Amino acid sequence: MKKPLFSPSTVLVLSALSLLAASNVAAQAKSTVVEDIIARVNNQIITLSDYQKSLGDLAQEVQQDCQACTQDRLMTALKDRQKDLLRDLIDQQLLIERAKDMDTNVEADVIKRLDEVRKQNNLASLEDLQKAVESQGIPWEDYKTQLRNHLLTQEVIRREVGSRMDIGSGEVKQYYDAHKDEYNRPEQVALAEIMLSTDGKSPEEIAAVRTKAEDLRNRLTKGDDFVQLAKKYSEGSTAQDGGELGVFEHGQLSPQLEEAVFKLDKGQSTEVIQTKTGFEILKVLDHYQAGLQPLDKVSGEITNKLYMQKMDPALRKYLGELREESYVMVKPGYTDSAAVAGATVIQEVAPTPDAPDKKKSKKKTNG
């Protein structure tokens, strides 16, 4: 397959970077076994193998973020991000448990996301997707669990953090007045696409793809929603985002596409355009004229920027509150960068009969 199926966190890369990362963990773990427990979050555990897998995933993400970097630079970036690795694993467990406390159900979203992945990889059925996942050495149930956990944590963040952030029009205008230079721009268009691929297809198959593209264009002229058509039919990497491509100025698109889109107004779509890789229908989500953009044109962009600026500290505060309500222990030699003062560490002692635990009686457990 041409790209990872869900996210970089679903596949381990056997690269020099990953191997070096794994060797760092092995050195840290010394003679421990794979299933050694390195952290407890209420009644759940994080094992050494969980940590090692996440470190391998992180190595792949670092590699993808800086593909032209030297080995030394990659290792420096990995070590910097590794500092928060255990924190992030603990945070994820806290959010998953919170989702369960809230009776959050994302099963419909899991099926929807799996189908989106299937379409993006041009697979005929979910059974084909399962075979493709398993061919990469990933158990199907593990793949679905990881996707489910991701959706659960995002839903908790949306409901418990994002919904509580209030960004008013006055705050947006204040930011605009203080940063007008950011919005003095050349002519630009914000675009979305519906793309049907012709890669590897015969002339007869290409003709059929053109017919399908023309049919989608006709549906748009009759009032069908572009976003929904893109999500359902587009074969581009932007399909799950409704085809949204981003913002472009003159010189950033091919002459063929530039000529087609810069003459359109906001909300208009191109005719079907044949490119080297397929057929495109582009929609102009917005058309910015050169000069200082009026506030109403960029208010949504500013709102999103302010939202992202506030999200990280708000999320860290919320996770801190979850930690205060929870029972988190970390094994000596491993660092939880968000540990609260007086946090408990896992002590390596001989097994003893169960006995009451004073701290556990004061903290939340999921029995």
Protein backbone atom coordinates (compact mmCIF):
# COMPACT_ATOMS: atom_id res chain seq x y z
CA MET A 1 0.00 0.00 0.00
CA LYS A 2 1.20 3.50 -0.75
CA LYS A 3 0.85 5.05 2.71
CA PRO A 4 0.26 4.09 6.37
CA LEU A 5 -3.29 2.97 6.96
CA PHE A 6 -4.29 5.04 9.96
CA SER A 7 -1.52 7.09 11.47
CA PRO A 8 2.21 6.77 12.08
CA SER A 9 1.35 5.23 15.45
CA THR A 10 0.05 2.03 13.83
CA VAL A 11 3.31 0.87 12.24
CA LEU A 12 6.83 0.40 13.65
CA VAL A 13 9.65 1.45 11.36
CA LEU A 14 12.74 -0.77 11.41
CA SER A 15 15.07 2.09 10.62
CA ALA A 16 18.35 3.03 12.19
CA LEU A 17 16.54 5.69 14.15
CA SER A 18 14.01 3.24 15.54
CA LEU A 19 16.69 0.72 16.40
CA LEU A 20 18.70 3.36 18.22
CA ALA A 21 15.58 4.41 20.10
CA ALA A 22 14.88 0.82 21.08
CA SER A 23 18.44 0.37 22.25
CA ASN A 24 18.06 3.42 24.50
CA VAL A 25 15.02 1.84 26.13
CA ALA A 26 16.79 -1.49 26.50
CA ALA A 27 19.70 0.21 28.21
CA GLN A 28 17.31 2.01 30.52
CA ALA A 29 15.38 -1.17 31.30
CA LYS A 30 18.61 -3.15 31.86
CA SER A 31 17.67 -6.77 32.61
CA THR A 32 13.91 -6.27 32.83
CA VAL A 33 11.48 -8.45 30.92
CA VAL A 34 9.16 -7.15 28.19
CA GLU A 35 6.03 -7.09 30.35
CA ASP A 36 7.55 -5.24 33.30
CA ILE A 37 5.10 -2.67 34.63
CA ILE A 38 6.52 0.85 34.44
CA ALA A 39 3.37 2.79 35.45
CA ARG A 40 -0.07 2.26 36.95
CA VAL A 41 -3.05 4.50 36.27
CA ASN A 42 -5.81 3.55 38.69
CA ASN A 43 -6.39 -0.15 37.91
CA GLN A 44 -4.72 -0.01 34.47
CA ILE A 45 -1.05 -0.62 33.72
CA ILE A 46 1.52 0.66 31.23
CA THR A 47 4.12 -1.98 30.43
CA LEU A 48 7.66 -1.76 29.14
CA SER A 49 6.49 -3.18 25.81
CA ASP A 50 3.83 -0.42 25.59
CA TYR A 51 6.56 2.12 26.16
CA GLN A 52 8.91 0.55 23.63
CA LYS A 53 6.23 0.42 20.95
CA SER A 54 5.31 4.06 21.56
CA LEU A 55 8.96 5.03 21.34
CA GLY A 56 9.25 3.24 18.00
CA ASP A 57 6.11 5.05 16.80
CA LEU A 58 7.58 8.34 17.99
CA ALA A 59 10.80 7.62 16.08
CA GLN A 60 8.78 7.17 12.90
CA GLU A 61 6.89 10.41 13.48
CA VAL A 62 10.16 12.29 14.00
CA GLN A 63 11.48 10.77 10.79
CA GLN A 64 8.41 11.85 8.84
CA ASP A 65 8.50 15.37 10.29
CA CYS A 66 12.12 15.89 9.23
CA GLN A 67 12.87 13.64 6.28
CA ALA A 68 15.95 15.63 5.23
CA CYS A 69 17.49 15.75 8.71
CA THR A 70 20.84 14.20 9.59
CA GLN A 71 20.98 11.22 11.94
CA ASP A 72 22.33 13.41 14.76
CA ARG A 73 19.52 15.92 14.33
CA LEU A 74 16.92 13.15 14.26
CA MET A 75 18.29 11.66 17.47
CA THR A 76 18.30 15.08 19.17
CA ALA A 77 14.67 15.61 18.16
CA LEU A 78 13.73 12.13 19.36
CA LYS A 79 15.39 12.60 22.75
CA ASP A 80 13.63 15.94 23.18
CA ARG A 81 10.19 14.45 22.44
CA GLN A 82 10.92 11.31 24.45
CA LYS A 83 10.91 13.42 27.62
CA ASP A 84 7.11 13.57 27.49
CA LEU A 85 6.49 10.04 26.19
CA LEU A 86 5.45 8.45 29.49
CA ARG A 87 3.42 11.54 30.37
CA ASP A 88 1.49 11.16 27.12
CA LEU A 89 0.82 7.46 27.75
CA ILE A 90 -0.51 8.28 31.21
CA ASP A 91 -2.59 11.16 29.82
CA GLN A 92 -4.13 8.85 27.25
CA GLN A 93 -5.11 6.32 29.91
CA LEU A 94 -6.64 9.07 32.05
CA LEU A 95 -8.72 10.30 29.11
CA ILE A 96 -9.85 6.79 28.15
CA GLU A 97 -11.00 6.16 31.71
CA ARG A 98 -12.78 9.52 31.76
CA ALA A 99 -14.55 8.58 28.52
CA LYS A 100 -15.78 5.38 30.16
CA ASP A 101 -16.98 7.35 33.19
CA MET A 102 -18.94 9.59 30.80
CA ASP A 103 -20.44 6.54 29.00
CA THR A 104 -18.95 7.81 25.74
CA ASN A 105 -19.71 5.59 22.76
CA VAL A 106 -17.75 6.05 19.54
CA GLU A 107 -18.51 2.72 17.83
CA ALA A 108 -20.34 4.40 14.94
CA ASP A 109 -17.37 6.73 14.47
CA VAL A 110 -14.98 3.75 14.49
CA ILE A 111 -16.87 2.12 11.61
CA LYS A 112 -17.04 5.43 9.75
CA ARG A 113 -13.31 6.05 10.14
CA LEU A 114 -12.46 2.51 9.06
CA ASP A 115 -14.53 3.01 5.93
CA GLU A 116 -12.74 6.29 5.23
CA VAL A 117 -9.39 4.51 5.52
CA ARG A 118 -10.68 1.77 3.21
CA LYS A 119 -11.67 4.30 0.54
CA GLN A 120 -8.41 6.23 0.84
CA ASN A 121 -6.52 3.02 0.13
CA ASN A 122 -8.81 2.01 -2.75
CA LEU A 123 -9.95 -1.20 -1.05
CA ALA A 124 -13.22 -2.88 -1.93
CA SER A 125 -14.35 -3.92 1.56
CA LEU A 126 -13.52 -3.79 5.25
CA GLU A 127 -12.38 -7.40 4.93
CA ASP A 128 -9.77 -6.22 2.44
CA LEU A 129 -8.75 -3.50 4.87
CA GLN A 130 -8.36 -6.09 7.62
CA LYS A 131 -6.13 -8.20 5.39
CA ALA A 132 -4.03 -5.15 4.51
CA VAL A 133 -3.63 -4.20 8.17
CA GLU A 134 -2.69 -7.72 9.19
CA SER A 135 -0.22 -7.95 6.30
CA GLN A 136 1.71 -5.18 8.05
CA GLY A 137 1.96 -7.32 11.18
CA ILE A 138 -0.76 -5.46 13.09
CA PRO A 139 -3.52 -7.54 14.74
CA TRP A 140 -6.91 -6.30 13.51
CA GLU A 141 -8.38 -5.98 17.01
CA ASP A 142 -5.34 -3.99 18.15
CA TYR A 143 -5.78 -1.68 15.16
CA LYS A 144 -9.44 -1.07 15.99
CA THR A 145 -8.69 -0.60 19.68
CA GLN A 146 -6.08 2.03 18.91
CA LEU A 147 -8.52 3.85 16.64
CA ARG A 148 -11.28 3.59 19.25
CA ASN A 149 -9.03 4.95 21.99
CA HIS A 150 -8.00 7.86 19.78
CA LEU A 151 -11.64 8.76 19.11
CA LEU A 152 -12.53 8.41 22.80
CA THR A 153 -9.77 10.77 23.91
CA GLN A 154 -10.64 13.32 21.22
CA GLU A 155 -14.30 13.27 22.24
CA VAL A 156 -13.43 13.85 25.90
CA ILE A 157 -11.15 16.74 24.95
CA ARG A 158 -13.87 18.24 22.75
CA ARG A 159 -16.55 18.00 25.42
CA GLU A 160 -14.55 18.69 28.56
CA VAL A 161 -12.00 21.23 27.29
CA GLY A 162 -12.84 22.64 23.87
CA SER A 163 -16.50 23.34 24.61
CA ARG A 164 -15.53 25.41 27.64
CA MET A 165 -13.24 27.79 25.79
CA ASP A 166 -15.03 31.01 24.92
CA ILE A 167 -13.47 33.19 22.24
CA GLY A 168 -15.58 36.32 21.75
CA SER A 169 -15.74 38.75 18.84
CA GLY A 170 -13.98 41.39 20.95
CA GLU A 171 -10.99 39.11 21.48
CA VAL A 172 -10.87 38.33 17.76
CA LYS A 173 -10.90 42.03 16.85
CA GLN A 174 -8.22 42.81 19.43
CA TYR A 175 -5.95 40.18 17.88
CA TYR A 176 -6.70 41.46 14.37
CA ASP A 177 -5.88 45.07 15.29
CA ALA A 178 -2.60 44.00 16.89
CA HIS A 179 -1.51 41.74 14.00
CA LYS A 180 -2.68 43.48 10.84
CA ASP A 181 0.62 42.78 9.12
CA GLU A 182 -0.29 39.07 9.15
CA TYR A 183 -3.38 39.80 7.08
CA ASN A 184 -1.84 42.06 4.46
CA ARG A 185 -1.59 39.42 1.77
CA PRO A 186 -1.33 38.77 -1.94
CA GLU A 187 -4.34 37.48 -3.83
CA GLN A 188 -5.19 33.99 -2.53
CA VAL A 189 -7.78 31.28 -2.91
CA ALA A 190 -8.84 28.69 -0.33
CA LEU A 191 -9.59 25.43 -2.13
CA ALA A 192 -11.22 22.05 -1.66
CA GLU A 193 -11.06 19.14 -4.09
CA ILE A 194 -12.82 16.05 -5.29
CA MET A 195 -10.15 13.86 -6.90
CA LEU A 196 -10.67 10.62 -8.81
CA SER A 197 -7.48 8.73 -9.58
CA THR A 198 -6.54 7.29 -12.96
CA ASP A 199 -3.24 5.86 -11.77
CA GLY A 200 -2.55 2.51 -13.44
CA LYS A 201 -5.88 2.43 -15.27
CA SER A 202 -6.51 1.43 -18.89
CA PRO A 203 -7.98 3.89 -21.44
CA GLU A 204 -11.39 2.30 -20.99
CA GLU A 205 -11.17 2.60 -17.21
CA ILE A 206 -10.03 6.23 -17.51
CA ALA A 207 -13.10 6.99 -19.62
CA ALA A 208 -15.28 5.48 -16.90
CA VAL A 209 -13.56 7.63 -14.27
CA ARG A 210 -14.22 10.73 -16.39
CA THR A 211 -17.90 9.81 -16.61
CA LYS A 212 -18.04 9.45 -12.83
CA ALA A 213 -16.34 12.83 -12.37
CA GLU A 214 -18.78 14.51 -14.76
CA ASP A 215 -21.67 12.95 -12.83
CA LEU A 216 -20.32 14.37 -9.57
CA ARG A 217 -19.95 17.80 -11.21
CA ASN A 218 -23.58 17.63 -12.34
CA ARG A 219 -24.67 16.74 -8.82
CA LEU A 220 -22.88 19.82 -7.52
CA THR A 221 -24.70 22.07 -9.99
CA LYS A 222 -27.99 20.60 -8.74
CA GLY A 223 -27.14 21.57 -5.16
CA ASP A 224 -25.46 18.49 -3.65
CA ASP A 225 -23.08 19.31 -0.80
CA PHE A 226 -19.42 19.44 -1.88
CA VAL A 227 -18.08 18.31 1.49
CA GLN A 228 -20.29 15.23 1.60
CA LEU A 229 -19.46 14.26 -1.98
CA ALA A 230 -15.75 14.69 -1.27
CA LYS A 231 -15.94 12.52 1.84
CA LYS A 232 -17.84 9.81 0.01
CA TYR A 233 -16.22 9.76 -3.44
CA SER A 234 -12.90 11.61 -3.45
CA GLU A 235 -9.82 9.40 -3.64
CA GLY A 236 -7.40 12.08 -2.50
CA SER A 237 -5.71 12.25 0.89
CA THR A 238 -8.02 15.14 1.87
CA ALA A 239 -11.24 13.13 1.55
CA GLN A 240 -11.90 12.73 5.28
CA ASP A 241 -11.56 16.53 5.67
CA GLY A 242 -14.20 17.18 3.03
CA GLY A 243 -11.53 17.76 0.39
CA GLU A 244 -10.06 20.86 2.03
CA LEU A 245 -6.67 21.63 0.47
CA GLY A 246 -5.60 24.92 2.05
CA VAL A 247 -4.85 28.43 0.83
CA PHE A 248 -2.81 29.21 -2.32
CA GLU A 249 -1.43 32.31 -3.99
CA HIS A 250 -0.28 32.84 -7.55
CA GLY A 251 2.61 30.57 -8.49
CA GLN A 252 1.80 27.81 -5.99
CA LEU A 253 -0.47 25.82 -8.30
CA SER A 254 0.12 24.37 -11.73
CA PRO A 255 -0.76 26.86 -14.52
CA GLN A 256 -3.68 24.64 -15.50
CA LEU A 257 -5.25 24.76 -12.03
CA GLU A 258 -4.31 28.38 -11.35
CA GLU A 259 -6.06 29.58 -14.48
CA ALA A 260 -9.19 27.69 -13.50
CA VAL A 261 -9.54 28.79 -9.86
CA PHE A 262 -8.40 32.42 -9.68
CA LYS A 263 -11.20 33.57 -11.96
CA LEU A 264 -13.86 32.08 -9.67
CA ASP A 265 -15.66 33.68 -6.76
CA LYS A 266 -16.21 32.23 -3.32
CA GLY A 267 -18.46 29.15 -3.48
CA GLN A 268 -17.94 28.41 -7.17
CA SER A 269 -16.49 25.16 -8.53
CA THR A 270 -14.43 24.36 -11.59
CA GLU A 271 -15.44 22.07 -14.40
CA VAL A 272 -13.83 18.62 -14.39
CA ILE A 273 -10.07 19.06 -14.91
CA GLN A 274 -7.89 16.21 -16.13
CA THR A 275 -4.41 16.07 -14.61
CA LYS A 276 -1.54 13.59 -14.86
CA THR A 277 -2.91 11.57 -11.96
CA GLY A 278 -6.67 11.81 -12.40
CA PHE A 279 -9.68 14.10 -12.62
CA GLU A 280 -10.16 17.07 -10.31
CA ILE A 281 -13.09 19.25 -9.33
CA LEU A 282 -11.95 22.24 -7.28
CA LYS A 283 -14.16 24.48 -5.18
CA VAL A 284 -13.16 27.99 -4.12
CA LEU A 285 -13.96 28.13 -0.41
CA ASP A 286 -12.84 31.76 -0.31
CA HIS A 287 -11.17 34.26 -2.61
CA TYR A 288 -8.98 36.86 -0.93
CA GLN A 289 -8.11 39.96 -2.92
CA ALA A 290 -4.62 41.47 -2.53
CA GLY A 291 -4.08 43.86 0.39
CA LEU A 292 -5.25 44.02 4.01
CA GLN A 293 -7.94 41.40 4.43
CA PRO A 294 -11.12 42.69 6.11
CA LEU A 295 -11.88 41.31 9.56
CA ASP A 296 -14.92 39.36 8.40
CA LYS A 297 -12.72 37.47 5.92
CA VAL A 298 -10.23 36.29 8.52
CA SER A 299 -12.28 36.14 11.73
CA GLY A 300 -12.67 32.37 11.47
CA GLU A 301 -8.94 31.95 10.93
CA ILE A 302 -8.19 34.13 13.96
CA THR A 303 -10.70 32.24 16.09
CA ASN A 304 -9.02 28.96 15.20
CA LYS A 305 -5.59 30.40 16.00
CA LEU A 306 -6.72 31.67 19.40
CA TYR A 307 -8.41 28.34 20.07
CA MET A 308 -5.19 26.44 19.38
CA GLN A 309 -3.18 28.85 21.53
CA LYS A 310 -5.51 28.24 24.46
CA MET A 311 -6.00 24.52 23.95
CA ASP A 312 -2.65 23.24 25.20
CA PRO A 313 -2.63 25.06 28.57
CA ALA A 314 -6.35 24.32 29.05
CA LEU A 315 -5.79 20.63 28.29
CA ARG A 316 -2.79 20.42 30.62
CA LYS A 317 -4.87 22.00 33.40
CA TYR A 318 -7.68 19.52 32.80
CA LEU A 319 -5.29 16.56 32.78
CA GLY A 320 -3.79 17.85 36.01
CA GLU A 321 -7.27 17.75 37.55
CA LEU A 322 -7.73 14.16 36.36
CA ARG A 323 -4.39 13.23 37.92
CA GLU A 324 -5.47 14.71 41.25
CA GLU A 325 -8.54 12.47 41.17
CA SER A 326 -6.57 9.39 40.13
CA TYR A 327 -3.96 6.98 41.43
CA VAL A 328 -0.82 7.25 39.31
CA MET A 329 2.43 5.40 40.12
CA VAL A 330 5.65 5.37 38.10
CA LYS A 331 8.57 2.96 38.34
CA PRO A 332 11.97 4.42 39.35
CA GLY A 333 14.10 5.17 36.30
CA TYR A 334 11.15 6.42 34.22
CA THR A 335 10.09 10.05 34.11
CA ASP A 336 6.54 11.38 34.12
CA SER A 337 7.08 15.01 33.11
CA ALA A 338 3.65 16.01 34.41
CA ALA A 339 3.93 14.26 37.79
CA VAL A 340 2.38 16.14 40.68
CA ALA A 341 4.37 16.74 43.84
CA GLY A 342 4.52 13.70 46.07
CA ALA A 343 3.58 11.26 43.30
CA THR A 344 3.95 7.60 44.21
CA VAL A 345 6.59 5.43 42.57
CA ILE A 346 6.36 1.70 41.96
CA GLN A 347 8.55 -0.14 44.42
CA GLU A 348 10.03 -3.49 43.41
CA VAL A 349 9.24 -5.77 46.36
CA ALA A 350 8.52 -9.46 46.82
CA PRO A 351 4.86 -10.49 46.35
CA THR A 352 2.77 -10.23 49.51
CA PRO A 353 -0.90 -10.90 50.30
CA ASP A 354 -3.30 -8.13 49.39
CA ALA A 355 -3.52 -5.49 52.09
CA PRO A 356 -5.48 -2.24 52.40
CA ASP A 357 -3.71 0.69 50.75
CA LYS A 358 -4.27 4.01 52.47
CA LYS A 359 -3.51 6.07 49.39
CA LYS A 360 -5.74 3.96 47.18
CA SER A 361 -8.64 4.52 49.58
CA LYS A 362 -8.33 8.23 48.98
CA LYS A 363 -7.94 8.01 45.22
CA LYS A 364 -10.25 6.89 42.48
CA THR A 365 -10.12 3.29 41.24
CA ASN A 366 -12.14 1.56 38.59
CA GLY A 367 -13.17 -1.65 40.22
